[in-house]
Structure formats: C-alpha cells, structure tokens
Amino acid sequence: MGWQVVSYVAPEGTLEHPLVPGFDYIIYNALYRLSGNWDLFGGFSLAGLTVQFGELAPFPAIEGAESRTWTAVFLALGFHSFMTLSRLVAGLGVGLLAGLATGLALPYWSALRQISWAPFNFLRMIPLLAAIPWMQFALGVDLRATTLFIGFGVWVMLVVATMNAVANVPDRYIESARTLGASRLRTYFKVIVPGAMPELRTALLLAGGLGWSLTIAAEFLGFPTGLGFMAAAAVQETNTARLVIVAIVVAFYSLLTFYLLNQLFNRMVSWMPQRTSGTTDISKVAGAAGAAGRAGDQLHE
C-alpha cells in the first residue's frame, strides 16, 4: 500500500518508464510486455509427437506488438525461470555434496583439519562477485561455468560451517560411545556426524541463499537468458517495474528453496525429539519464580 501511494505522488520524470511504478502499471504494462521475452526454442520430437514451441503463442518480435498475449507472458517467465533454476540446482547440488563431504572428512584427521582451517577461511573471504568476470574469461558462459562458480562458493562456505559443527559436538557424547566400546571410526560416523547435523541447519539455509545470489549475479553480468538477465535488461532500460517483477519472482523461488532445504534438514535429523509446543509459557516461569520468592519470605519470617 505504501508503494502504491508513493507511485501517485512521485514525479513522473522524463524517462520512458516511471521511477516508482504503481502495481497497475507493473501488471498491465511491464508484465504484459514480457510476452516478447521468451525464446522460440525450435521444437522437439518424442514418440512420434512433434512439439513446436513457436506455435504455443504468437511471438511479438515477429508478428508485432499487437500480438502480445498472457500466454506468452507466462511462457517468458517460465522460460527464464527454467534457465535460472537449472543453473541453481546444478551449482547448489555440487556445492552441497562437496561441502558436506569435505567438511565431514577433514575433521576426522586432526592434523589435516589444522592445516586446512586457515586456507578455507581465506578462500571464504574472497569476494565471489568480483570473480565473475574471471569466471567468464576462464570458463566461458555456459552451464559448466555457472555450476563450478556456484558450487565453489557454496562449497567453501559449507566446509567451514561443517567443521565448526563437528567441533561443537559435546564431548560427553564421544566419551559415552568410547566407554561403551565403539571404535574411533564408528564413534565418528554414528555419534559425531549425527550430532553435528542440527547445527548445520543455518548453514544449509545460508547455502541456499548464497546459491541464489551467485546465480542471479552471474546471469546479471553475462548470460543472455535467466532472471538475472531480465534484471540486467531492466536496469539498462531504467525499468523499475520489471525489476519489481523479477524481485517478486526470485523471492517466491527463494522461499520455495528455503522450504525444500528445511524439509531436507528435518529428514536428516528425524531422530531428534520434537517439542510438544511451539511456544514457551512465560507465565509458568514467572509463577514459579513468584512461588519461590514467597517461600523464601516465609522462611525468612
């Protein structure tokens, strides 16, 4: 509501698009114009059935602006979302697997953990956004490049977080297992690794957010497709309305990623006891404190 009110009072300026567009402009102008931002793809054949994507909706770049349709709008959003999500899933999958595997393997050997701690913290401090031009120069602009770039960023962050989680497992768990006769290897994989998983919740969710940031940034600076490309085109055209659309779409996908990672985490720690209530009754604590105080007063008397 605040954005809509500001759109009414903000000066129009001399640009083609309003700097603070109202949602009416965003939906019926900027969003509708996305109908010309999807690729024809050509087509494919499967089991004797041939599908030509160009036949799904008119393509305004060929048939003119009057051929815009809402079908083409959803095709545009679907096309660019698919390109972004495919890069995100590939890079995030590689980063999560490599990060967890490395972060759990290194602490098993104390000498190797001490040697690798400083280098990994140094790599974690490298500004990855500044490395995007180097990535494009060294690896090119394709799925392999984004997979390695996103995977590297998630891997470095997750290795440090995993090593911290392993180091913070209470010693009493380890001592209990060894007292019961468990070997060092069995203690590590049956006690320490499961005990470290709860602390990895925040790291996994941060990895998802970092993956989104790296994906959009990589597309913003060099890819001809994807949600990051749409944002870059909107910046070049000073089209705030399109930026709002991309922001809403990315926010929706980010929440979906958060939900999926959270579900994955819940499966990993299904052995943990669940709380019977989601809130703490403060009145019980206060009542207990009051009762203790009254008992102390009576004792003093």
Protein backbone atom coordinates (compact mmCIF):
# COMPACT_ATOMS: atom_id res chain seq x y z
CA MET A 1 0.00 0.00 0.00
CA GLY A 2 2.86 2.34 0.80
CA TRP A 3 4.48 1.66 -2.59
CA GLN A 4 1.20 2.37 -4.38
CA VAL A 5 0.72 5.67 -2.51
CA VAL A 6 4.27 6.76 -3.35
CA SER A 7 3.65 5.94 -7.02
CA TYR A 8 0.85 8.52 -7.06
CA VAL A 9 2.90 11.36 -5.55
CA ALA A 10 6.33 10.64 -7.10
CA PRO A 11 7.23 12.87 -10.08
CA GLU A 12 6.95 11.18 -13.46
CA GLY A 13 10.30 12.46 -14.76
CA THR A 14 11.49 12.29 -18.34
CA LEU A 15 12.15 8.54 -18.59
CA GLU A 16 10.10 6.12 -20.64
CA HIS A 17 9.05 4.20 -17.52
CA PRO A 18 8.03 5.72 -14.15
CA LEU A 19 10.68 5.52 -11.47
CA VAL A 20 8.12 4.39 -8.87
CA PRO A 21 5.51 2.47 -10.88
CA GLY A 22 2.20 1.54 -9.32
CA PHE A 23 1.05 -2.04 -9.36
CA ASP A 24 -1.45 -1.22 -12.09
CA TYR A 25 1.47 -0.19 -14.31
CA ILE A 26 3.51 -3.23 -13.22
CA ILE A 27 0.75 -5.70 -14.10
CA TYR A 28 -0.86 -4.19 -17.18
CA ASN A 29 2.20 -2.63 -18.78
CA ALA A 30 5.55 -4.08 -17.65
CA LEU A 31 4.31 -7.62 -17.04
CA TYR A 32 2.30 -7.70 -20.26
CA ARG A 33 5.33 -6.60 -22.26
CA LEU A 34 7.22 -9.69 -21.09
CA SER A 35 5.31 -11.61 -23.75
CA GLY A 36 8.15 -10.81 -26.15
CA ASN A 37 10.91 -12.09 -23.85
CA TRP A 38 10.78 -15.81 -24.41
CA ASP A 39 12.83 -17.92 -26.79
CA LEU A 40 11.22 -19.95 -29.56
CA PHE A 41 13.43 -22.97 -28.66
CA GLY A 42 12.68 -24.55 -32.03
CA GLY A 43 10.96 -27.80 -31.01
CA PHE A 44 11.44 -31.47 -30.22
CA SER A 45 10.04 -34.87 -31.18
CA LEU A 46 9.12 -37.57 -28.69
CA ALA A 47 7.43 -40.88 -29.50
CA GLY A 48 6.28 -39.59 -32.86
CA LEU A 49 4.86 -36.39 -31.34
CA THR A 50 6.43 -33.17 -32.58
CA VAL A 51 6.10 -30.03 -30.47
CA GLN A 52 6.96 -26.62 -31.87
CA PHE A 53 7.27 -24.05 -29.09
CA GLY A 54 6.71 -21.23 -31.53
CA GLU A 55 3.16 -22.48 -32.00
CA LEU A 56 2.26 -22.11 -28.32
CA ALA A 57 1.75 -18.35 -28.55
CA PRO A 58 2.39 -15.50 -31.00
CA PHE A 59 5.90 -14.06 -30.85
CA PRO A 60 5.61 -10.23 -30.76
CA ALA A 61 9.13 -9.70 -32.13
CA ILE A 62 7.96 -11.34 -35.36
CA GLU A 63 4.24 -10.66 -35.50
CA GLY A 64 4.18 -7.19 -33.93
CA ALA A 65 3.29 -5.67 -30.55
CA GLU A 66 -0.44 -6.22 -31.11
CA SER A 67 0.12 -9.99 -30.87
CA ARG A 68 1.03 -9.87 -27.15
CA THR A 69 -0.83 -12.43 -25.04
CA TRP A 70 -0.84 -13.50 -21.40
CA THR A 71 0.12 -16.99 -22.54
CA ALA A 72 3.35 -15.58 -23.90
CA VAL A 73 3.90 -13.72 -20.60
CA PHE A 74 3.83 -16.99 -18.65
CA LEU A 75 5.99 -18.62 -21.31
CA ALA A 76 8.56 -15.84 -20.82
CA LEU A 77 8.57 -16.20 -17.04
CA GLY A 78 8.66 -19.98 -17.33
CA PHE A 79 11.50 -19.94 -19.85
CA HIS A 80 13.77 -17.61 -17.87
CA SER A 81 12.85 -19.29 -14.58
CA PHE A 82 13.77 -22.68 -16.02
CA MET A 83 17.16 -21.40 -17.16
CA THR A 84 17.90 -19.86 -13.76
CA LEU A 85 16.65 -22.82 -11.75
CA SER A 86 18.64 -25.30 -13.85
CA ARG A 87 21.84 -23.35 -13.13
CA LEU A 88 20.97 -23.01 -9.45
CA VAL A 89 20.14 -26.70 -8.94
CA ALA A 90 23.31 -27.83 -10.70
CA GLY A 91 25.62 -25.48 -8.81
CA LEU A 92 23.87 -25.81 -5.45
CA GLY A 93 23.78 -29.60 -5.71
CA VAL A 94 27.52 -29.80 -6.41
CA GLY A 95 28.31 -27.30 -3.66
CA LEU A 96 26.17 -29.03 -1.02
CA LEU A 97 27.52 -32.51 -1.73
CA ALA A 98 31.15 -31.37 -1.94
CA GLY A 99 30.85 -29.07 1.08
CA LEU A 100 29.29 -31.65 3.37
CA ALA A 101 31.65 -34.41 2.23
CA THR A 102 34.77 -32.26 2.65
CA GLY A 103 33.62 -30.67 5.91
CA LEU A 104 32.92 -34.09 7.44
CA ALA A 105 36.07 -35.77 6.12
CA LEU A 106 38.65 -33.19 7.19
CA PRO A 107 37.92 -33.21 10.97
CA TYR A 108 38.49 -36.97 11.13
CA TRP A 109 42.23 -36.31 10.84
CA SER A 110 43.20 -33.63 13.35
CA ALA A 111 46.43 -32.70 11.57
CA LEU A 112 44.65 -32.24 8.24
CA ARG A 113 41.95 -30.17 9.93
CA GLN A 114 44.51 -27.82 11.45
CA ILE A 115 46.36 -27.43 8.15
CA SER A 116 43.20 -26.74 6.12
CA TRP A 117 41.46 -24.40 8.57
CA ALA A 118 43.35 -21.23 7.58
CA PRO A 119 43.24 -21.80 3.77
CA PHE A 120 39.49 -22.42 3.81
CA ASN A 121 38.85 -19.31 5.88
CA PHE A 122 40.98 -17.34 3.42
CA LEU A 123 39.01 -18.69 0.45
CA ARG A 124 35.77 -17.84 2.26
CA MET A 125 36.80 -14.17 2.40
CA ILE A 126 37.33 -13.85 -1.35
CA PRO A 127 34.58 -11.61 -2.86
CA LEU A 128 32.98 -14.07 -5.25
CA LEU A 129 31.05 -11.39 -7.14
CA ALA A 130 34.35 -9.83 -8.17
CA ALA A 131 35.42 -13.21 -9.58
CA ILE A 132 32.56 -13.38 -12.09
CA PRO A 133 34.47 -11.64 -14.93
CA TRP A 134 37.38 -14.03 -14.39
CA MET A 135 34.93 -16.95 -14.47
CA GLN A 136 33.53 -15.78 -17.79
CA PHE A 137 37.02 -15.33 -19.23
CA ALA A 138 38.39 -18.66 -17.99
CA LEU A 139 35.32 -20.91 -18.25
CA GLY A 140 33.04 -19.21 -20.73
CA VAL A 141 29.32 -18.53 -20.44
CA ASP A 142 27.57 -21.88 -20.12
CA LEU A 143 26.10 -24.30 -17.58
CA ARG A 144 29.52 -25.73 -16.71
CA ALA A 145 30.82 -22.29 -15.76
CA THR A 146 27.88 -21.42 -13.50
CA THR A 147 27.93 -24.88 -11.91
CA LEU A 148 31.60 -24.53 -10.97
CA PHE A 149 31.16 -20.93 -9.82
CA ILE A 150 28.10 -21.54 -7.64
CA GLY A 151 29.45 -24.87 -6.43
CA PHE A 152 32.76 -23.30 -5.40
CA GLY A 153 31.09 -20.52 -3.40
CA VAL A 154 28.72 -22.88 -1.59
CA TRP A 155 31.48 -25.47 -1.06
CA VAL A 156 33.86 -23.05 0.69
CA MET A 157 31.17 -21.65 2.96
CA LEU A 158 29.74 -25.05 3.84
CA VAL A 159 33.14 -26.65 4.58
CA VAL A 160 33.90 -24.08 7.30
CA ALA A 161 30.38 -24.35 8.75
CA THR A 162 30.54 -28.15 8.81
CA MET A 163 33.93 -28.20 10.51
CA ASN A 164 32.58 -25.82 13.16
CA ALA A 165 29.53 -28.03 13.69
CA VAL A 166 31.71 -31.11 14.16
CA ALA A 167 33.97 -29.28 16.61
CA ASN A 168 30.95 -28.19 18.70
CA VAL A 169 29.59 -31.71 19.30
CA PRO A 170 29.56 -32.19 23.12
CA ASP A 171 32.46 -34.28 24.42
CA ARG A 172 30.13 -36.33 26.63
CA TYR A 173 28.63 -37.95 23.51
CA ILE A 174 32.07 -39.08 22.38
CA GLU A 175 33.11 -40.26 25.85
CA SER A 176 29.90 -42.26 26.24
CA ALA A 177 30.39 -44.00 22.91
CA ARG A 178 34.03 -44.86 23.58
CA THR A 179 33.16 -46.11 27.07
CA LEU A 180 30.63 -48.49 25.51
CA GLY A 181 33.36 -49.91 23.28
CA ALA A 182 32.73 -48.09 19.99
CA SER A 183 35.76 -47.73 17.74
CA ARG A 184 37.04 -44.31 16.64
CA LEU A 185 35.58 -44.72 13.15
CA ARG A 186 32.21 -45.91 14.42
CA THR A 187 32.09 -43.12 17.01
CA TYR A 188 32.73 -40.54 14.32
CA PHE A 189 30.06 -41.70 11.88
CA LYS A 190 27.47 -42.91 14.40
CA VAL A 191 27.80 -40.19 17.05
CA ILE A 192 29.77 -37.14 15.90
CA VAL A 193 28.31 -36.79 12.38
CA PRO A 194 24.65 -37.11 13.51
CA GLY A 195 25.39 -34.85 16.48
CA ALA A 196 26.71 -32.14 14.15
CA MET A 197 23.67 -32.13 11.87
CA PRO A 198 21.39 -29.91 13.99
CA GLU A 199 23.93 -27.09 13.93
CA LEU A 200 24.13 -27.35 10.14
CA ARG A 201 20.54 -26.11 9.75
CA THR A 202 21.55 -22.46 9.47
CA ALA A 203 24.48 -23.32 7.19
CA LEU A 204 22.23 -25.23 4.76
CA LEU A 205 19.72 -22.37 4.60
CA LEU A 206 22.51 -19.83 4.11
CA ALA A 207 23.90 -22.02 1.33
CA GLY A 208 20.56 -21.79 -0.48
CA GLY A 209 20.54 -18.01 -0.20
CA LEU A 210 24.15 -17.78 -1.33
CA GLY A 211 23.38 -20.01 -4.31
CA TRP A 212 20.59 -17.67 -5.40
CA SER A 213 22.82 -14.62 -5.03
CA LEU A 214 25.61 -16.16 -7.10
CA THR A 215 23.21 -17.39 -9.79
CA ILE A 216 21.48 -14.03 -10.28
CA ALA A 217 24.81 -12.18 -10.16
CA ALA A 218 26.37 -14.46 -12.79
CA GLU A 219 23.37 -14.03 -15.11
CA PHE A 220 23.29 -10.30 -14.46
CA LEU A 221 26.81 -9.85 -15.80
CA GLY A 222 26.94 -12.02 -18.87
CA PHE A 223 24.19 -14.52 -19.67
CA PRO A 224 21.61 -13.91 -22.41
CA THR A 225 18.88 -15.79 -20.53
CA GLY A 226 17.59 -16.17 -16.99
CA LEU A 227 16.04 -13.98 -14.32
CA GLY A 228 19.37 -12.21 -13.79
CA PHE A 229 19.43 -11.32 -17.47
CA MET A 230 15.91 -9.88 -17.16
CA ALA A 231 17.08 -7.75 -14.23
CA ALA A 232 20.13 -6.54 -16.17
CA ALA A 233 17.95 -5.58 -19.14
CA ALA A 234 15.59 -3.71 -16.80
CA VAL A 235 18.50 -1.75 -15.32
CA GLN A 236 19.75 -0.76 -18.78
CA GLU A 237 16.26 0.46 -19.68
CA THR A 238 15.69 2.06 -16.23
CA ASN A 239 12.59 -0.08 -15.99
CA THR A 240 11.81 -0.24 -12.27
CA ALA A 241 8.55 -2.09 -12.92
CA ARG A 242 10.37 -5.03 -14.49
CA LEU A 243 12.84 -5.07 -11.61
CA VAL A 244 9.90 -5.36 -9.20
CA ILE A 245 8.56 -8.31 -11.20
CA VAL A 246 11.93 -10.09 -11.15
CA ALA A 247 12.29 -9.39 -7.42
CA ILE A 248 8.86 -10.91 -6.66
CA VAL A 249 9.59 -14.00 -8.78
CA VAL A 250 13.03 -14.51 -7.19
CA ALA A 251 11.56 -14.02 -3.70
CA PHE A 252 8.96 -16.71 -4.41
CA TYR A 253 11.58 -19.17 -5.65
CA SER A 254 13.86 -18.33 -2.70
CA LEU A 255 11.09 -19.13 -0.23
CA LEU A 256 10.47 -22.39 -2.09
CA THR A 257 14.19 -23.23 -1.86
CA PHE A 258 14.12 -22.40 1.86
CA TYR A 259 11.16 -24.74 2.36
CA LEU A 260 12.77 -27.63 0.44
CA LEU A 261 16.09 -27.30 2.27
CA ASN A 262 14.23 -27.14 5.57
CA GLN A 263 12.37 -30.34 4.71
CA LEU A 264 15.67 -31.99 3.76
CA PHE A 265 17.14 -30.94 7.10
CA ASN A 266 14.14 -32.31 9.00
CA ARG A 267 14.67 -35.69 7.34
CA MET A 268 18.36 -35.65 8.21
CA VAL A 269 17.60 -35.08 11.91
CA SER A 270 14.37 -37.05 12.20
CA TRP A 271 15.89 -38.79 15.22
CA MET A 272 15.74 -35.57 17.26
CA PRO A 273 12.90 -35.32 19.83
CA GLN A 274 10.23 -32.85 18.75
CA ARG A 275 8.95 -30.09 21.01
CA THR A 276 5.37 -30.61 22.14
CA SER A 277 4.62 -26.91 21.90
CA GLY A 278 5.98 -24.24 19.60
CA THR A 279 5.93 -21.52 22.29
CA THR A 280 7.16 -21.16 25.84
CA ASP A 281 4.63 -20.26 28.52
CA ILE A 282 6.35 -17.36 30.29
CA SER A 283 3.59 -17.18 32.88
CA LYS A 284 4.63 -20.57 34.24
CA VAL A 285 8.18 -19.36 34.68
CA ALA A 286 7.00 -16.16 36.33
CA GLY A 287 4.61 -18.10 38.56
CA ALA A 288 7.37 -20.45 39.60
CA ALA A 289 9.62 -17.51 40.40
CA GLY A 290 6.85 -15.85 42.43
CA ALA A 291 6.18 -19.04 44.37
CA ALA A 292 9.88 -19.40 45.14
CA GLY A 293 10.01 -15.80 46.33
CA ARG A 294 7.01 -16.24 48.63
CA ALA A 295 8.54 -19.39 50.06
CA GLY A 296 11.76 -17.51 50.74
CA ASP A 297 9.87 -14.72 52.51
CA GLN A 298 8.03 -17.22 54.71
CA LEU A 299 11.29 -18.95 55.55
CA HIS A 300 12.87 -15.58 56.46
CA GLU A 301 9.96 -14.76 58.77
